[in-house]
Amino acid sequence: MTRQKKQPAAGFDANEFPTLKEFFSGYLHEDFNDEYGSAAAAARAFRGDASPEESAQAGQEWARLGKILTGQSMPEIQSSLQKLGGAWRPQDLDEFHSLDAIFTGKRHAPSS
């Protein structure tokens, strides 16, 4: 009997997330902490600058990305996010999920 392994998230196609790629490269650049103070503040700035259509698209892409990355380890999540561009590498799931409410309006329960 062969055990099925979960497909690694690092294999996802970043080109299927064009609005998030724009956000990551334009707002989560190497100086984002100096400019915005946090990834969440950068996400709020992006949402403030984006058109309603871009904002809605970013929310849809973030929700889809969250589903893809569910159950992945932090190194796998970081590797996946690297494919979107930018310099943000969240250190834990709480930091990663700090963008949930900004992009989707849904809050994620903090990790224990």
N, C-alpha and C. Protein backbone atom coordinates (compact mmCIF):
# COMPACT_ATOMS: atom_id res chain seq x y z
N MET A 1 0.84 -1.17 0.00
CA MET A 1 0.00 0.00 0.00
C MET A 1 0.89 1.24 0.00
N THR A 2 0.59 2.17 -0.87
CA THR A 2 1.37 3.40 -0.98
C THR A 2 0.70 4.51 -0.20
N ARG A 3 1.48 5.18 0.59
CA ARG A 3 0.97 6.29 1.37
C ARG A 3 0.96 7.55 0.51
N GLN A 4 -0.16 8.27 0.49
CA GLN A 4 -0.22 9.51 -0.27
C GLN A 4 0.36 10.64 0.56
N LYS A 5 1.23 11.40 -0.08
CA LYS A 5 1.82 12.55 0.59
C LYS A 5 1.08 13.80 0.15
N LYS A 6 0.99 14.75 1.06
CA LYS A 6 0.37 16.03 0.73
C LYS A 6 1.27 16.75 -0.26
N GLN A 7 0.64 17.34 -1.27
CA GLN A 7 1.39 18.09 -2.28
C GLN A 7 2.06 19.29 -1.62
N PRO A 8 3.37 19.49 -1.84
CA PRO A 8 4.02 20.62 -1.21
C PRO A 8 3.52 21.94 -1.77
N ALA A 9 3.30 22.90 -0.88
CA ALA A 9 2.80 24.21 -1.29
C ALA A 9 3.82 24.94 -2.16
N ALA A 10 5.10 24.63 -1.96
CA ALA A 10 6.13 25.31 -2.73
C ALA A 10 5.97 25.06 -4.22
N GLY A 11 5.15 24.08 -4.60
CA GLY A 11 4.93 23.78 -5.99
C GLY A 11 3.82 24.62 -6.62
N PHE A 12 3.22 25.55 -5.87
CA PHE A 12 2.14 26.35 -6.44
C PHE A 12 2.70 27.36 -7.44
N ASP A 13 1.86 27.80 -8.36
CA ASP A 13 2.27 28.74 -9.40
C ASP A 13 1.99 30.17 -8.92
N ALA A 14 3.04 30.90 -8.61
CA ALA A 14 2.89 32.27 -8.12
C ALA A 14 2.22 33.18 -9.15
N ASN A 15 2.30 32.83 -10.42
CA ASN A 15 1.68 33.64 -11.45
C ASN A 15 0.15 33.60 -11.38
N GLU A 16 -0.39 32.68 -10.61
CA GLU A 16 -1.84 32.61 -10.42
C GLU A 16 -2.30 33.60 -9.34
N PHE A 17 -1.36 34.39 -8.80
CA PHE A 17 -1.64 35.35 -7.74
C PHE A 17 -1.07 36.73 -8.14
N PRO A 18 -1.51 37.29 -9.27
CA PRO A 18 -0.89 38.53 -9.77
C PRO A 18 -1.04 39.72 -8.83
N THR A 19 -2.15 39.84 -8.15
CA THR A 19 -2.35 40.99 -7.27
C THR A 19 -1.47 40.85 -6.02
N LEU A 20 -1.36 39.63 -5.50
CA LEU A 20 -0.47 39.43 -4.35
C LEU A 20 0.99 39.62 -4.76
N LYS A 21 1.36 39.23 -5.97
CA LYS A 21 2.72 39.46 -6.43
C LYS A 21 3.01 40.96 -6.48
N GLU A 22 2.03 41.74 -6.93
CA GLU A 22 2.19 43.20 -6.96
C GLU A 22 2.35 43.74 -5.54
N PHE A 23 1.52 43.25 -4.62
CA PHE A 23 1.61 43.67 -3.22
C PHE A 23 2.97 43.30 -2.63
N PHE A 24 3.38 42.05 -2.78
CA PHE A 24 4.63 41.60 -2.18
C PHE A 24 5.83 42.38 -2.72
N SER A 25 5.89 42.58 -4.03
CA SER A 25 7.05 43.27 -4.60
C SER A 25 7.00 44.77 -4.35
N GLY A 26 5.81 45.36 -4.32
CA GLY A 26 5.69 46.80 -4.16
C GLY A 26 5.63 47.30 -2.74
N TYR A 27 5.13 46.46 -1.83
CA TYR A 27 4.92 46.91 -0.45
C TYR A 27 5.76 46.13 0.57
N LEU A 28 6.05 44.89 0.29
CA LEU A 28 6.84 44.08 1.23
C LEU A 28 8.29 43.95 0.76
N HIS A 29 8.81 45.04 0.22
CA HIS A 29 10.19 45.09 -0.25
C HIS A 29 11.15 45.05 0.93
N GLU A 30 12.44 45.09 0.66
CA GLU A 30 13.43 44.90 1.73
C GLU A 30 13.38 45.98 2.81
N ASP A 31 12.80 47.13 2.52
CA ASP A 31 12.70 48.21 3.51
C ASP A 31 11.29 48.37 4.08
N PHE A 32 10.44 47.35 3.92
CA PHE A 32 9.05 47.50 4.35
C PHE A 32 8.93 47.78 5.85
N ASN A 33 9.80 47.18 6.67
CA ASN A 33 9.72 47.43 8.11
C ASN A 33 10.02 48.89 8.44
N ASP A 34 11.02 49.46 7.76
CA ASP A 34 11.35 50.87 7.99
C ASP A 34 10.23 51.78 7.49
N GLU A 35 9.64 51.42 6.36
CA GLU A 35 8.62 52.27 5.75
C GLU A 35 7.24 52.13 6.41
N TYR A 36 6.86 50.89 6.73
CA TYR A 36 5.51 50.64 7.24
C TYR A 36 5.47 50.17 8.70
N GLY A 37 6.54 49.57 9.18
CA GLY A 37 6.58 49.08 10.55
C GLY A 37 6.21 47.62 10.71
N SER A 38 5.39 47.11 9.79
CA SER A 38 4.99 45.69 9.84
C SER A 38 4.37 45.29 8.51
N ALA A 39 4.25 44.01 8.31
CA ALA A 39 3.58 43.50 7.10
C ALA A 39 2.11 43.89 7.12
N ALA A 40 1.50 43.88 8.30
CA ALA A 40 0.09 44.26 8.40
C ALA A 40 -0.12 45.72 8.01
N ALA A 41 0.77 46.59 8.44
CA ALA A 41 0.66 48.01 8.08
C ALA A 41 0.88 48.19 6.58
N ALA A 42 1.79 47.42 6.00
CA ALA A 42 2.00 47.47 4.55
C ALA A 42 0.75 47.00 3.81
N ALA A 43 0.10 45.97 4.33
CA ALA A 43 -1.13 45.46 3.71
C ALA A 43 -2.23 46.51 3.78
N ARG A 44 -2.33 47.20 4.91
CA ARG A 44 -3.34 48.26 5.03
C ARG A 44 -3.05 49.39 4.04
N ALA A 45 -1.77 49.73 3.85
CA ALA A 45 -1.40 50.77 2.89
C ALA A 45 -1.76 50.33 1.47
N PHE A 46 -1.47 49.09 1.15
CA PHE A 46 -1.83 48.55 -0.17
C PHE A 46 -3.33 48.64 -0.39
N ARG A 47 -4.10 48.18 0.59
CA ARG A 47 -5.57 48.22 0.47
C ARG A 47 -6.06 49.65 0.31
N GLY A 48 -5.41 50.60 0.99
CA GLY A 48 -5.80 52.00 0.86
C GLY A 48 -5.48 52.57 -0.51
N ASP A 49 -4.41 52.09 -1.13
CA ASP A 49 -4.00 52.58 -2.44
C ASP A 49 -4.70 51.85 -3.59
N ALA A 50 -5.15 50.65 -3.35
CA ALA A 50 -5.72 49.81 -4.41
C ALA A 50 -7.12 50.27 -4.79
N SER A 51 -7.46 49.98 -6.04
CA SER A 51 -8.84 50.21 -6.48
C SER A 51 -9.73 49.18 -5.79
N PRO A 52 -11.04 49.40 -5.76
CA PRO A 52 -11.93 48.40 -5.17
C PRO A 52 -11.78 47.03 -5.83
N GLU A 53 -11.54 47.01 -7.13
CA GLU A 53 -11.37 45.74 -7.85
C GLU A 53 -10.08 45.03 -7.42
N GLU A 54 -8.99 45.82 -7.33
CA GLU A 54 -7.71 45.24 -6.88
C GLU A 54 -7.80 44.74 -5.45
N SER A 55 -8.47 45.50 -4.63
CA SER A 55 -8.64 45.12 -3.23
C SER A 55 -9.42 43.80 -3.12
N ALA A 56 -10.50 43.70 -3.88
CA ALA A 56 -11.29 42.46 -3.86
C ALA A 56 -10.48 41.30 -4.40
N GLN A 57 -9.72 41.53 -5.46
CA GLN A 57 -8.88 40.48 -6.05
C GLN A 57 -7.82 40.02 -5.05
N ALA A 58 -7.21 40.96 -4.35
CA ALA A 58 -6.19 40.60 -3.34
C ALA A 58 -6.81 39.73 -2.26
N GLY A 59 -8.02 40.07 -1.83
CA GLY A 59 -8.70 39.27 -0.82
C GLY A 59 -8.97 37.85 -1.29
N GLN A 60 -9.42 37.73 -2.52
CA GLN A 60 -9.68 36.39 -3.08
C GLN A 60 -8.39 35.59 -3.19
N GLU A 61 -7.33 36.24 -3.66
CA GLU A 61 -6.04 35.54 -3.80
C GLU A 61 -5.49 35.15 -2.43
N TRP A 62 -5.61 36.04 -1.44
CA TRP A 62 -5.11 35.72 -0.10
C TRP A 62 -5.85 34.51 0.49
N ALA A 63 -7.17 34.48 0.32
CA ALA A 63 -7.96 33.36 0.83
C ALA A 63 -7.54 32.06 0.15
N ARG A 64 -7.32 32.12 -1.15
CA ARG A 64 -6.90 30.92 -1.90
C ARG A 64 -5.51 30.48 -1.46
N LEU A 65 -4.61 31.45 -1.29
CA LEU A 65 -3.25 31.13 -0.84
C LEU A 65 -3.28 30.50 0.55
N GLY A 66 -4.12 31.04 1.44
CA GLY A 66 -4.24 30.48 2.78
C GLY A 66 -4.66 29.02 2.75
N LYS A 67 -5.57 28.67 1.87
CA LYS A 67 -6.01 27.27 1.74
C LYS A 67 -4.86 26.39 1.25
N ILE A 68 -4.10 26.90 0.30
CA ILE A 68 -2.97 26.14 -0.24
C ILE A 68 -1.91 25.90 0.84
N LEU A 69 -1.67 26.91 1.67
CA LEU A 69 -0.60 26.82 2.66
C LEU A 69 -1.02 26.17 3.98
N THR A 70 -2.31 25.91 4.15
CA THR A 70 -2.78 25.27 5.38
C THR A 70 -2.08 23.93 5.58
N GLY A 71 -1.57 23.73 6.77
CA GLY A 71 -0.90 22.47 7.11
C GLY A 71 0.56 22.42 6.74
N GLN A 72 1.08 23.46 6.11
CA GLN A 72 2.48 23.49 5.72
C GLN A 72 3.33 23.98 6.89
N SER A 73 4.58 23.60 6.90
CA SER A 73 5.52 24.07 7.92
C SER A 73 5.90 25.53 7.64
N MET A 74 6.44 26.21 8.61
CA MET A 74 6.87 27.60 8.40
C MET A 74 7.92 27.69 7.30
N PRO A 75 8.93 26.81 7.24
CA PRO A 75 9.87 26.90 6.12
C PRO A 75 9.18 26.74 4.76
N GLU A 76 8.16 25.89 4.68
CA GLU A 76 7.44 25.73 3.42
C GLU A 76 6.63 26.98 3.10
N ILE A 77 6.01 27.57 4.10
CA ILE A 77 5.26 28.81 3.90
C ILE A 77 6.20 29.92 3.45
N GLN A 78 7.34 30.05 4.12
CA GLN A 78 8.31 31.07 3.75
C GLN A 78 8.81 30.88 2.32
N SER A 79 9.06 29.65 1.94
CA SER A 79 9.51 29.35 0.58
C SER A 79 8.44 29.73 -0.44
N SER A 80 7.20 29.44 -0.11
CA SER A 80 6.10 29.79 -1.00
C SER A 80 5.97 31.30 -1.14
N LEU A 81 6.05 32.02 -0.03
CA LEU A 81 5.92 33.47 -0.08
C LEU A 81 7.06 34.11 -0.85
N GLN A 82 8.23 33.50 -0.78
CA GLN A 82 9.38 34.01 -1.53
C GLN A 82 9.08 34.04 -3.03
N LYS A 83 8.29 33.09 -3.50
CA LYS A 83 7.94 33.03 -4.92
C LYS A 83 7.07 34.21 -5.34
N LEU A 84 6.41 34.85 -4.38
CA LEU A 84 5.58 36.00 -4.69
C LEU A 84 6.38 37.29 -4.75
N GLY A 85 7.65 37.24 -4.35
CA GLY A 85 8.50 38.42 -4.35
C GLY A 85 8.55 39.04 -2.97
N GLY A 86 9.16 40.18 -2.89
CA GLY A 86 9.25 40.87 -1.60
C GLY A 86 10.22 40.22 -0.65
N ALA A 87 10.28 40.79 0.54
CA ALA A 87 11.25 40.35 1.54
C ALA A 87 10.62 39.80 2.81
N TRP A 88 9.30 39.80 2.90
CA TRP A 88 8.64 39.36 4.13
C TRP A 88 8.72 37.85 4.27
N ARG A 89 9.25 37.42 5.42
CA ARG A 89 9.30 36.01 5.78
C ARG A 89 8.75 35.89 7.20
N PRO A 90 7.45 35.65 7.33
CA PRO A 90 6.87 35.57 8.69
C PRO A 90 7.58 34.50 9.51
N GLN A 91 7.74 34.79 10.79
CA GLN A 91 8.46 33.87 11.67
C GLN A 91 7.57 32.80 12.29
N ASP A 92 6.25 33.05 12.29
CA ASP A 92 5.34 32.07 12.86
C ASP A 92 3.96 32.23 12.20
N LEU A 93 3.06 31.32 12.51
CA LEU A 93 1.73 31.34 11.90
C LEU A 93 0.93 32.57 12.30
N ASP A 94 1.10 33.05 13.52
CA ASP A 94 0.38 34.25 13.94
C ASP A 94 0.78 35.45 13.08
N GLU A 95 2.06 35.57 12.80
CA GLU A 95 2.53 36.67 11.95
C GLU A 95 1.98 36.50 10.53
N PHE A 96 2.00 35.29 10.00
CA PHE A 96 1.44 35.03 8.67
C PHE A 96 -0.04 35.41 8.64
N HIS A 97 -0.78 34.97 9.65
CA HIS A 97 -2.22 35.21 9.67
C HIS A 97 -2.58 36.63 10.08
N SER A 98 -1.59 37.45 10.41
CA SER A 98 -1.88 38.84 10.75
C SER A 98 -2.48 39.60 9.56
N LEU A 99 -2.34 39.05 8.36
CA LEU A 99 -2.89 39.70 7.17
C LEU A 99 -4.30 39.21 6.84
N ASP A 100 -4.77 38.17 7.50
CA ASP A 100 -6.08 37.60 7.19
C ASP A 100 -7.20 38.63 7.26
N ALA A 101 -7.31 39.31 8.38
CA ALA A 101 -8.40 40.26 8.56
C ALA A 101 -8.29 41.43 7.58
N ILE A 102 -7.08 41.81 7.23
CA ILE A 102 -6.88 42.93 6.32
C ILE A 102 -7.33 42.55 4.91
N PHE A 103 -6.98 41.36 4.47
CA PHE A 103 -7.31 40.97 3.11
C PHE A 103 -8.68 40.32 2.97
N THR A 104 -9.12 39.58 3.96
CA THR A 104 -10.37 38.83 3.80
C THR A 104 -11.48 39.26 4.76
N GLY A 105 -11.12 40.05 5.75
CA GLY A 105 -12.11 40.45 6.75
C GLY A 105 -12.35 39.39 7.80
N LYS A 106 -11.66 38.26 7.71
CA LYS A 106 -11.81 37.18 8.69
C LYS A 106 -10.59 37.13 9.58
N ARG A 107 -10.83 36.98 10.84
CA ARG A 107 -9.74 36.86 11.80
C ARG A 107 -9.39 35.40 12.00
N HIS A 108 -8.12 35.15 12.19
CA HIS A 108 -7.62 33.80 12.45
C HIS A 108 -7.35 33.67 13.94
N ALA A 109 -7.75 32.57 14.52
CA ALA A 109 -7.47 32.34 15.94
C ALA A 109 -5.98 32.19 16.14
N PRO A 110 -5.41 32.89 17.13
CA PRO A 110 -3.97 32.79 17.39
C PRO A 110 -3.56 31.35 17.74
N SER A 111 -2.32 31.03 17.39
CA SER A 111 -1.77 29.71 17.72
C SER A 111 -1.51 29.64 19.21
N SER A 112 -1.54 28.44 19.74
CA SER A 112 -1.26 28.27 21.17
C SER A 112 0.22 28.14 21.41
